[in-house]
């Protein structure tokens, strides 16, 4: 029973890490998208 609790906790930790990594990647893509749009706007002006 104790082993299953450890496995469950490990699984939850991996899920949290995965969610945070994905959130970081998406935030980076948003920042790059905004930066690219701003740069394109400034060049096209």
C-alpha atoms as a PDB file:
ATOM      1  CA  UNK A   1       0.000   0.000   0.000  1.00  0.00           C
ATOM      2  CA  UNK A   2       2.834   2.392   0.843  1.00  0.00           C
ATOM      3  CA  UNK A   3       4.494   1.666  -2.508  1.00  0.00           C
ATOM      4  CA  UNK A   4       1.353   2.630  -4.439  1.00  0.00           C
ATOM      5  CA  UNK A   5       1.219   5.957  -2.579  1.00  0.00           C
ATOM      6  CA  UNK A   6       4.807   6.680  -3.624  1.00  0.00           C
ATOM      7  CA  UNK A   7       4.025   5.755  -7.246  1.00  0.00           C
ATOM      8  CA  UNK A   8       0.913   7.950  -7.217  1.00  0.00           C
ATOM      9  CA  UNK A   9       2.886  10.870  -5.767  1.00  0.00           C
ATOM     10  CA  UNK A  10       5.619  10.378  -8.372  1.00  0.00           C
ATOM     11  CA  UNK A  11       3.001  10.329 -11.156  1.00  0.00           C
ATOM     12  CA  UNK A  12       1.426  13.551  -9.851  1.00  0.00           C
ATOM     13  CA  UNK A  13       4.860  15.193  -9.646  1.00  0.00           C
ATOM     14  CA  UNK A  14       5.606  14.213 -13.248  1.00  0.00           C
ATOM     15  CA  UNK A  15       2.240  15.629 -14.341  1.00  0.00           C
ATOM     16  CA  UNK A  16       2.945  18.934 -12.552  1.00  0.00           C
ATOM     17  CA  UNK A  17       6.385  19.157 -14.149  1.00  0.00           C
ATOM     18  CA  UNK A  18       4.912  18.404 -17.581  1.00  0.00           C
ATOM     19  CA  UNK A  19       2.198  21.052 -17.160  1.00  0.00           C
ATOM     20  CA  UNK A  20       4.749  23.671 -16.083  1.00  0.00           C
ATOM     21  CA  UNK A  21       7.069  22.854 -18.998  1.00  0.00           C
ATOM     22  CA  UNK A  22       4.194  23.086 -21.475  1.00  0.00           C
ATOM     23  CA  UNK A  23       3.037  26.386 -19.934  1.00  0.00           C
ATOM     24  CA  UNK A  24       6.568  27.738 -20.230  1.00  0.00           C
ATOM     25  CA  UNK A  25       6.840  26.698 -23.881  1.00  0.00           C
ATOM     26  CA  UNK A  26       3.461  28.259 -24.710  1.00  0.00           C
ATOM     27  CA  UNK A  27       4.373  31.487 -22.879  1.00  0.00           C
ATOM     28  CA  UNK A  28       7.651  31.630 -24.818  1.00  0.00           C
ATOM     29  CA  UNK A  29       5.806  31.145 -28.106  1.00  0.00           C
ATOM     30  CA  UNK A  30       3.382  33.934 -27.215  1.00  0.00           C
ATOM     31  CA  UNK A  31       6.234  36.313 -26.378  1.00  0.00           C
ATOM     32  CA  UNK A  32       8.065  35.418 -29.604  1.00  0.00           C
ATOM     33  CA  UNK A  33       4.862  35.894 -31.589  1.00  0.00           C
ATOM     34  CA  UNK A  34       4.233  39.316 -30.081  1.00  0.00           C
ATOM     35  CA  UNK A  35       7.869  40.315 -30.592  1.00  0.00           C
ATOM     36  CA  UNK A  36       7.837  39.142 -34.194  1.00  0.00           C
ATOM     37  CA  UNK A  37       4.607  40.981 -34.912  1.00  0.00           C
ATOM     38  CA  UNK A  38       5.954  44.177 -33.354  1.00  0.00           C
ATOM     39  CA  UNK A  39       9.210  43.879 -35.284  1.00  0.00           C
ATOM     40  CA  UNK A  40       7.351  43.293 -38.557  1.00  0.00           C
ATOM     41  CA  UNK A  41       5.101  46.272 -37.852  1.00  0.00           C
ATOM     42  CA  UNK A  42       8.089  48.535 -37.147  1.00  0.00           C
ATOM     43  CA  UNK A  43       9.927  47.413 -40.322  1.00  0.00           C
ATOM     44  CA  UNK A  44       6.807  47.746 -42.510  1.00  0.00           C
ATOM     45  CA  UNK A  45       6.134  51.231 -41.160  1.00  0.00           C
END
